[in-house]
N, C-alpha and C. Protein backbone atom coordinates (compact mmCIF):
# COMPACT_ATOMS: atom_id res chain seq x y z
N UNK A 1 -34.31 62.11 -24.78
CA UNK A 1 -33.20 62.11 -24.04
C UNK A 1 -33.44 60.78 -22.86
N UNK A 2 -32.49 59.77 -22.74
CA UNK A 2 -32.17 58.85 -21.94
C UNK A 2 -32.41 59.26 -20.45
N UNK A 3 -33.28 58.35 -19.63
CA UNK A 3 -33.18 58.53 -18.35
C UNK A 3 -32.13 58.04 -17.75
N UNK A 4 -31.55 58.66 -16.46
CA UNK A 4 -30.15 57.79 -15.94
C UNK A 4 -30.70 56.52 -15.28
N UNK A 5 -29.59 55.92 -15.00
CA UNK A 5 -29.96 54.34 -14.76
C UNK A 5 -30.67 54.40 -13.30
N UNK A 6 -30.05 55.22 -12.31
CA UNK A 6 -30.99 55.48 -11.32
C UNK A 6 -32.08 56.44 -11.14
N UNK A 7 -32.88 56.04 -11.75
CA UNK A 7 -34.24 57.15 -11.86
C UNK A 7 -35.61 56.76 -11.37
N UNK A 8 -35.73 55.42 -11.18
CA UNK A 8 -36.96 54.73 -10.69
C UNK A 8 -36.93 53.90 -9.36
N UNK A 9 -37.09 54.66 -8.17
CA UNK A 9 -36.60 54.14 -6.79
C UNK A 9 -37.33 52.63 -6.78
N UNK A 10 -37.05 51.68 -6.27
CA UNK A 10 -37.92 50.50 -5.74
C UNK A 10 -38.30 51.08 -4.33
N UNK A 11 -37.44 51.46 -3.62
CA UNK A 11 -37.74 51.65 -2.18
C UNK A 11 -36.57 52.96 -1.33
N UNK A 12 -37.22 53.24 -0.41
CA UNK A 12 -36.27 54.20 0.40
C UNK A 12 -36.44 53.69 1.77
N UNK A 13 -35.09 53.86 2.51
CA UNK A 13 -34.78 53.32 3.77
C UNK A 13 -34.09 54.73 4.43
N UNK A 14 -33.94 54.35 5.62
CA UNK A 14 -33.36 55.56 6.57
C UNK A 14 -31.92 56.06 6.06
N UNK A 15 -31.23 54.64 5.30
CA UNK A 15 -29.74 54.83 5.02
C UNK A 15 -29.48 54.75 3.59
N UNK A 16 -30.47 54.34 3.04
CA UNK A 16 -30.32 54.35 1.38
C UNK A 16 -31.70 54.35 0.60
N UNK A 17 -31.13 54.40 -0.47
CA UNK A 17 -32.44 54.19 -1.46
C UNK A 17 -32.36 53.15 -2.56
N UNK A 18 -33.07 52.20 -2.93
CA UNK A 18 -33.11 51.30 -3.62
C UNK A 18 -33.42 51.31 -5.17
N UNK A 19 -32.72 50.82 -5.97
CA UNK A 19 -33.08 50.78 -7.37
C UNK A 19 -32.80 49.53 -7.91
N UNK A 20 -33.35 49.25 -9.40
CA UNK A 20 -32.68 48.15 -9.91
C UNK A 20 -32.58 48.16 -11.25
N UNK A 21 -31.08 47.68 -11.66
CA UNK A 21 -30.82 48.05 -13.03
C UNK A 21 -30.71 46.48 -13.60
N UNK A 22 -31.26 46.33 -14.69
CA UNK A 22 -31.54 44.81 -15.30
C UNK A 22 -31.98 43.97 -14.12
N UNK A 23 -31.20 43.08 -13.98
CA UNK A 23 -31.30 42.12 -12.53
C UNK A 23 -30.55 42.53 -11.22
N UNK A 24 -29.88 43.55 -11.48
CA UNK A 24 -28.86 43.87 -10.48
C UNK A 24 -29.71 44.71 -9.43
N UNK A 25 -29.57 44.67 -8.14
CA UNK A 25 -30.24 45.77 -7.28
C UNK A 25 -29.04 46.83 -7.19
N UNK A 26 -29.44 47.94 -6.78
CA UNK A 26 -28.38 49.21 -6.75
C UNK A 26 -29.03 49.73 -5.43
N UNK A 27 -27.97 50.00 -4.50
CA UNK A 27 -28.43 51.04 -3.36
C UNK A 27 -27.33 52.14 -3.29
N UNK A 28 -27.86 53.28 -3.02
CA UNK A 28 -27.23 54.39 -2.98
C UNK A 28 -27.26 54.92 -1.07
N UNK A 29 -26.37 54.97 -0.48
CA UNK A 29 -26.20 55.49 0.69
C UNK A 29 -26.32 56.83 0.96
N UNK A 30 -27.08 57.03 2.04
CA UNK A 30 -27.10 58.60 2.53
C UNK A 30 -28.44 58.86 3.03
N UNK A 31 -28.61 59.68 3.78
CA UNK A 31 -29.45 60.22 4.59
C UNK A 31 -30.63 60.67 3.91
N UNK A 32 -32.00 60.41 4.36
CA UNK A 32 -33.11 60.96 3.30
C UNK A 32 -32.76 62.71 3.07
N UNK A 33 -32.25 63.34 3.76
CA UNK A 33 -31.97 65.16 3.56
C UNK A 33 -31.22 65.24 2.26
N UNK A 34 -30.31 64.17 2.05
CA UNK A 34 -29.20 64.74 0.77
C UNK A 34 -29.50 63.48 -0.07
N UNK A 35 -30.92 62.68 -0.20
CA UNK A 35 -30.91 61.63 -0.87
C UNK A 35 -30.69 62.21 -2.46
N UNK A 36 -31.49 63.05 -2.68
CA UNK A 36 -31.53 63.52 -4.08
C UNK A 36 -29.91 64.04 -4.61
N UNK A 37 -29.52 64.52 -3.85
CA UNK A 37 -28.02 65.20 -4.14
C UNK A 37 -27.34 63.78 -4.38
N UNK A 38 -27.27 62.70 -3.48
CA UNK A 38 -26.55 61.74 -3.78
C UNK A 38 -26.82 60.63 -5.03
N UNK A 39 -28.00 60.50 -4.91
CA UNK A 39 -28.31 59.81 -6.26
C UNK A 39 -28.01 60.37 -7.50
N UNK A 40 -27.91 61.51 -7.67
CA UNK A 40 -27.59 62.18 -8.81
C UNK A 40 -25.91 61.90 -8.83
N UNK A 41 -25.15 62.09 -7.49
CA UNK A 41 -23.77 61.90 -7.73
C UNK A 41 -23.79 60.45 -8.19
N UNK A 42 -24.49 59.50 -7.37
CA UNK A 42 -24.29 58.27 -8.03
C UNK A 42 -24.52 58.02 -9.38
N UNK A 43 -25.47 58.60 -9.99
CA UNK A 43 -25.77 58.46 -11.56
C UNK A 43 -24.60 59.15 -12.34
N UNK A 44 -23.83 59.95 -11.96
CA UNK A 44 -22.60 60.33 -12.90
C UNK A 44 -21.36 59.58 -12.21
N UNK A 45 -21.30 58.81 -11.51
CA UNK A 45 -20.31 57.69 -11.23
C UNK A 45 -20.86 56.06 -11.91
N UNK A 46 -21.87 56.14 -12.25
CA UNK A 46 -22.66 54.78 -12.45
C UNK A 46 -22.05 53.99 -13.87
N UNK A 47 -21.97 54.63 -14.87
CA UNK A 47 -21.17 53.95 -15.92
C UNK A 47 -19.73 53.20 -15.49
N UNK A 48 -19.07 54.16 -14.67
CA UNK A 48 -17.72 53.20 -14.27
C UNK A 48 -18.11 52.26 -13.08
N UNK A 49 -18.89 52.36 -12.33
CA UNK A 49 -19.33 51.58 -11.45
C UNK A 49 -19.65 50.23 -11.81
N UNK A 50 -20.44 50.39 -13.09
CA UNK A 50 -21.14 49.42 -13.64
C UNK A 50 -19.94 48.64 -14.23
N UNK A 51 -19.43 49.17 -15.08
CA UNK A 51 -18.28 48.71 -15.94
C UNK A 51 -17.15 48.00 -14.69
N UNK A 52 -16.85 48.22 -13.90
CA UNK A 52 -15.89 47.50 -12.71
C UNK A 52 -16.81 46.29 -12.44
N UNK A 53 -18.11 45.81 -12.67
CA UNK A 53 -18.64 44.59 -11.99
C UNK A 53 -17.59 43.40 -12.36
N UNK A 54 -17.24 43.50 -13.59
CA UNK A 54 -16.48 42.49 -14.18
C UNK A 54 -15.13 42.21 -13.17
N UNK A 55 -14.57 43.10 -12.72
CA UNK A 55 -13.43 43.16 -12.13
C UNK A 55 -13.60 42.68 -10.67
N UNK A 56 -14.89 43.31 -10.21
CA UNK A 56 -15.32 42.72 -8.85
C UNK A 56 -15.41 41.37 -8.92
N UNK A 57 -16.41 40.85 -9.60
CA UNK A 57 -16.59 39.20 -9.89
C UNK A 57 -15.29 38.68 -10.04
N UNK A 58 -14.12 39.01 -10.77
CA UNK A 58 -13.02 38.30 -10.54
C UNK A 58 -12.10 38.45 -9.18
N UNK A 59 -12.35 39.36 -8.77
CA UNK A 59 -11.86 39.33 -7.10
C UNK A 59 -12.52 38.43 -6.49
N UNK A 60 -13.91 38.14 -6.40
CA UNK A 60 -14.49 37.06 -5.55
C UNK A 60 -14.02 35.87 -6.03
N UNK A 61 -14.01 35.65 -7.42
CA UNK A 61 -13.60 34.33 -7.97
C UNK A 61 -12.02 34.11 -7.29
N UNK A 62 -11.35 34.70 -7.31
CA UNK A 62 -9.85 34.69 -6.89
C UNK A 62 -9.93 34.09 -5.79
N UNK A 63 -10.85 34.74 -4.49
CA UNK A 63 -11.15 34.54 -3.13
C UNK A 63 -11.60 33.17 -3.39
N UNK A 64 -12.69 32.88 -3.96
CA UNK A 64 -13.43 31.93 -3.93
C UNK A 64 -12.65 30.49 -4.24
N UNK A 65 -11.77 30.69 -5.29
CA UNK A 65 -10.61 29.60 -5.67
C UNK A 65 -10.04 29.25 -4.59
N UNK A 66 -9.50 29.89 -3.75
CA UNK A 66 -8.70 29.39 -2.52
C UNK A 66 -9.34 28.95 -1.47
N UNK A 67 -10.80 28.84 -1.30
CA UNK A 67 -11.70 28.79 -0.30
C UNK A 67 -12.34 27.28 -0.86
N UNK A 68 -12.36 26.97 -2.18
CA UNK A 68 -13.42 26.09 -2.69
C UNK A 68 -12.63 25.12 -3.67
N UNK A 69 -11.43 24.89 -3.67
CA UNK A 69 -10.23 24.48 -4.84
C UNK A 69 -11.16 23.10 -5.32
N UNK A 70 -11.76 22.40 -4.85
CA UNK A 70 -12.08 21.21 -5.64
C UNK A 70 -13.75 21.59 -6.42
N UNK A 71 -14.69 22.45 -5.91
CA UNK A 71 -15.32 23.11 -6.80
C UNK A 71 -14.90 23.85 -8.01
N UNK A 72 -13.77 24.43 -7.79
CA UNK A 72 -13.28 25.42 -9.07
C UNK A 72 -12.80 24.33 -9.93
N UNK A 73 -11.99 23.25 -9.40
CA UNK A 73 -11.32 22.43 -10.22
C UNK A 73 -12.20 21.71 -11.46
N UNK A 74 -13.28 21.19 -10.83
CA UNK A 74 -14.55 20.20 -11.60
C UNK A 74 -14.86 21.47 -12.37
N UNK A 75 -15.44 22.43 -12.24
CA UNK A 75 -16.03 23.59 -13.47
C UNK A 75 -14.82 23.83 -14.32
N UNK A 76 -13.41 24.00 -13.83
CA UNK A 76 -12.51 24.55 -14.71
C UNK A 76 -12.21 23.47 -15.77
N UNK A 77 -12.45 22.16 -15.48
CA UNK A 77 -12.22 20.78 -16.04
C UNK A 77 -13.61 20.88 -16.95
N UNK A 78 -14.54 21.35 -16.52
CA UNK A 78 -15.89 21.23 -17.48
C UNK A 78 -16.20 22.36 -18.27
N UNK A 79 -15.11 23.22 -18.33
CA UNK A 79 -15.26 24.30 -19.01
C UNK A 79 -16.24 25.58 -18.69
N UNK A 80 -17.03 25.47 -17.47
CA UNK A 80 -17.94 26.12 -17.16
C UNK A 80 -17.63 27.07 -15.91
N UNK A 81 -16.25 27.29 -15.43
CA UNK A 81 -15.88 28.16 -14.54
C UNK A 81 -15.85 29.47 -14.61
N UNK A 82 -16.35 29.92 -15.90
CA UNK A 82 -16.52 31.53 -15.85
C UNK A 82 -18.09 32.01 -15.97
N UNK A 83 -18.91 30.73 -15.54
CA UNK A 83 -20.33 31.42 -15.31
C UNK A 83 -20.80 30.96 -14.00
N UNK A 84 -20.14 30.89 -12.98
CA UNK A 84 -20.35 30.72 -11.75
C UNK A 84 -20.66 31.37 -10.83
N UNK A 85 -20.10 32.78 -11.02
CA UNK A 85 -20.37 34.13 -10.12
C UNK A 85 -21.16 35.30 -10.87
N UNK A 86 -21.85 35.78 -10.14
CA UNK A 86 -22.52 37.07 -10.97
C UNK A 86 -22.91 38.24 -9.65
N UNK A 87 -22.47 39.53 -10.20
CA UNK A 87 -23.09 40.32 -9.16
C UNK A 87 -24.59 40.50 -9.05
N UNK A 88 -24.90 40.47 -7.72
CA UNK A 88 -26.24 40.39 -7.58
C UNK A 88 -26.83 42.17 -6.98
N UNK A 89 -25.80 42.58 -6.73
CA UNK A 89 -26.36 43.84 -6.13
C UNK A 89 -24.92 44.84 -5.92
N UNK A 90 -25.21 46.42 -6.07
CA UNK A 90 -24.16 47.09 -5.64
C UNK A 90 -24.68 48.28 -5.04
N UNK A 91 -23.92 48.77 -3.52
CA UNK A 91 -23.95 49.49 -2.78
C UNK A 91 -23.10 50.69 -3.10
N UNK A 92 -23.37 51.95 -3.51
CA UNK A 92 -22.93 52.80 -3.58
C UNK A 92 -22.63 53.73 -2.74
N UNK A 93 -21.51 54.19 -2.40
CA UNK A 93 -21.23 55.34 -1.58
C UNK A 93 -20.80 56.38 -2.40
N UNK A 94 -21.82 57.47 -2.86
CA UNK A 94 -21.40 58.14 -4.01
C UNK A 94 -20.47 59.36 -3.22
N UNK A 95 -20.71 59.64 -2.04
CA UNK A 95 -19.69 60.82 -1.60
C UNK A 95 -18.30 60.45 -1.53
N UNK A 96 -18.17 59.18 -1.25
CA UNK A 96 -16.61 58.67 -1.27
C UNK A 96 -16.25 57.98 -2.43
N UNK A 97 -17.14 58.04 -3.36
CA UNK A 97 -16.67 57.63 -4.68
C UNK A 97 -16.36 55.88 -4.61
N UNK A 98 -16.69 55.36 -3.87
CA UNK A 98 -16.72 53.89 -3.62
C UNK A 98 -18.08 52.79 -3.79
N UNK A 99 -17.88 51.98 -4.20
CA UNK A 99 -18.89 50.87 -4.31
C UNK A 99 -18.28 49.28 -3.79
N UNK A 100 -19.53 48.70 -3.04
CA UNK A 100 -19.31 47.24 -2.69
C UNK A 100 -20.29 46.66 -3.52
N UNK A 101 -19.70 45.43 -4.01
CA UNK A 101 -20.29 44.72 -5.02
C UNK A 101 -20.89 42.99 -3.99
N UNK A 102 -22.06 42.81 -4.57
CA UNK A 102 -22.60 41.59 -3.73
C UNK A 102 -22.51 40.80 -4.79
N UNK A 103 -21.65 39.45 -4.57
CA UNK A 103 -21.56 38.68 -5.64
C UNK A 103 -21.38 37.17 -5.12
N UNK A 104 -22.63 36.41 -5.72
CA UNK A 104 -23.17 35.13 -5.62
C UNK A 104 -23.14 34.14 -6.33
N UNK A 105 -23.92 33.14 -6.21
CA UNK A 105 -23.89 32.15 -7.26
C UNK A 105 -24.65 32.79 -8.52
N UNK A 106 -24.49 32.56 -9.90
CA UNK A 106 -25.08 32.94 -10.99
C UNK A 106 -26.07 32.26 -11.36
N UNK A 107 -27.32 32.53 -10.61
CA UNK A 107 -28.41 31.62 -11.05
C UNK A 107 -28.96 31.34 -12.74
N UNK A 108 -28.15 32.23 -13.69
CA UNK A 108 -28.29 31.74 -14.72
C UNK A 108 -27.78 30.62 -15.67
N UNK A 109 -26.74 30.14 -14.64
CA UNK A 109 -26.19 28.87 -14.84
C UNK A 109 -27.06 27.83 -14.58
N UNK A 110 -27.15 26.85 -15.39
CA UNK A 110 -28.02 25.45 -15.14
C UNK A 110 -26.99 24.42 -15.16
N UNK A 111 -26.31 23.77 -14.33
CA UNK A 111 -25.52 22.61 -14.52
C UNK A 111 -26.31 21.50 -15.00
N UNK A 112 -27.59 21.40 -14.75
CA UNK A 112 -28.16 19.99 -15.22
C UNK A 112 -28.22 20.41 -16.77
N UNK A 113 -28.26 21.37 -17.37
CA UNK A 113 -28.16 21.55 -19.15
C UNK A 113 -26.40 21.26 -19.50
N UNK A 114 -25.52 21.13 -18.34
CA UNK A 114 -23.99 20.93 -18.63
C UNK A 114 -23.56 19.29 -18.36
N UNK A 115 -23.83 19.29 -16.88
CA UNK A 115 -23.31 18.08 -16.28
C UNK A 115 -24.07 18.06 -15.06
N UNK A 116 -25.15 17.31 -14.58
CA UNK A 116 -25.59 17.17 -13.26
C UNK A 116 -24.93 16.89 -12.21
N UNK A 117 -23.25 16.21 -12.55
CA UNK A 117 -22.50 15.93 -11.59
C UNK A 117 -21.54 16.90 -10.70
N UNK A 118 -21.77 18.13 -11.58
CA UNK A 118 -21.03 19.34 -11.30
C UNK A 118 -21.41 19.91 -9.93
N UNK A 119 -20.33 19.97 -8.83
CA UNK A 119 -20.73 20.63 -7.63
C UNK A 119 -21.53 22.09 -7.88
N UNK A 120 -22.12 22.61 -6.84
CA UNK A 120 -22.77 23.70 -6.85
C UNK A 120 -22.04 24.87 -5.65
N UNK A 121 -22.17 25.73 -5.92
CA UNK A 121 -21.62 26.81 -5.20
C UNK A 121 -22.55 26.83 -3.88
N UNK A 122 -21.98 26.63 -2.64
CA UNK A 122 -22.96 26.36 -1.33
C UNK A 122 -23.82 27.89 -1.47
N UNK A 123 -25.24 27.38 -1.20
CA UNK A 123 -26.34 28.58 -1.45
C UNK A 123 -26.10 29.65 -0.47
N UNK A 124 -25.46 29.11 0.63
CA UNK A 124 -25.49 30.45 1.66
C UNK A 124 -23.95 31.08 1.57
N UNK A 125 -23.18 30.95 0.50
CA UNK A 125 -21.84 31.73 0.12
C UNK A 125 -21.78 32.67 -0.55
N UNK A 126 -21.57 33.76 -0.26
CA UNK A 126 -21.57 35.01 -1.24
C UNK A 126 -20.22 35.66 -0.77
N UNK A 127 -19.75 36.93 -1.59
CA UNK A 127 -18.44 37.36 -1.37
C UNK A 127 -18.98 38.83 -1.79
N UNK A 128 -18.31 39.87 -0.78
CA UNK A 128 -18.65 41.12 -0.76
C UNK A 128 -16.99 41.91 -1.37
N UNK A 129 -17.46 42.64 -2.31
CA UNK A 129 -15.90 43.05 -3.13
C UNK A 129 -16.19 44.69 -3.02
N UNK A 130 -15.12 45.24 -2.11
CA UNK A 130 -15.15 46.92 -2.28
C UNK A 130 -14.13 47.31 -3.37
N UNK A 131 -14.62 48.41 -3.96
CA UNK A 131 -13.56 49.00 -4.92
C UNK A 131 -13.73 50.33 -4.49
N UNK A 132 -12.61 50.78 -4.06
CA UNK A 132 -12.26 52.24 -3.53
C UNK A 132 -12.28 53.08 -4.52
N UNK A 133 -12.15 54.29 -4.28
CA UNK A 133 -12.24 55.54 -5.27
C UNK A 133 -10.68 55.36 -5.96
N UNK A 134 -9.79 54.92 -5.29
CA UNK A 134 -8.67 54.60 -6.16
C UNK A 134 -8.18 53.41 -6.97
N UNK A 135 -9.37 52.73 -7.28
CA UNK A 135 -9.54 51.29 -7.80
C UNK A 135 -8.61 50.02 -7.38
N UNK A 136 -8.80 50.32 -5.84
CA UNK A 136 -8.20 48.85 -5.15
C UNK A 136 -9.56 47.99 -4.94
N UNK A 137 -9.35 46.90 -5.30
CA UNK A 137 -10.35 45.89 -4.99
C UNK A 137 -10.18 45.17 -3.53
N UNK A 138 -10.90 44.70 -2.73
CA UNK A 138 -10.84 43.72 -1.56
C UNK A 138 -12.25 43.20 -1.38
N UNK A 139 -11.82 41.96 -1.51
CA UNK A 139 -12.96 40.82 -1.29
C UNK A 139 -12.92 40.23 0.06
N UNK A 140 -14.01 39.55 0.42
CA UNK A 140 -14.32 38.83 1.79
C UNK A 140 -15.29 37.91 1.34
N UNK A 141 -15.47 36.85 2.16
CA UNK A 141 -16.33 35.77 2.01
C UNK A 141 -17.39 36.05 2.77
N UNK A 142 -18.61 35.80 2.52
CA UNK A 142 -19.73 35.87 3.82
C UNK A 142 -20.60 34.50 3.60
N UNK A 143 -21.02 33.96 4.69
CA UNK A 143 -21.45 32.69 4.82
C UNK A 143 -20.70 31.67 5.28
N UNK A 144 -20.93 30.34 5.32
CA UNK A 144 -20.18 29.34 5.36
C UNK A 144 -19.61 28.83 4.40
N UNK A 145 -18.68 28.20 4.22
CA UNK A 145 -17.90 27.79 2.89
C UNK A 145 -17.99 26.45 2.51
N UNK A 146 -18.62 25.44 3.69
CA UNK A 146 -18.88 24.25 3.42
C UNK A 146 -17.67 23.35 3.18
N UNK A 147 -16.51 23.98 3.64
CA UNK A 147 -15.12 23.36 3.09
C UNK A 147 -14.79 22.19 4.05
């Protein structure tokens, strides 16, 4: 039998448990005395949460496009815009049925192999995208935009 995705903890903190799925960090919120129960709930919700990563990235891209139009225009012209952002982490509130995605520069994208003159997303720029239990996404920017 395949083990659940959130089965091998990287660390425990007063307010959360930390896991890693592939290259993505995943945190499950909750007090230590309810941790096992909440991790079990998060595992039941995880396939849907994981599947929503693409939509969360799209919400971050939409916000980023309004803040950094020159950056996105250059990547649209080069055909590289779809590879600029990626989910780095997911914060799960299993009890509420919500998730918050940490979306940042995609480190798998290497501009030197495409066109060294392409602009880079500011390294201190990231986006938080909340997905509510009813499927509503809300994105906010974190860090300076260098605009």
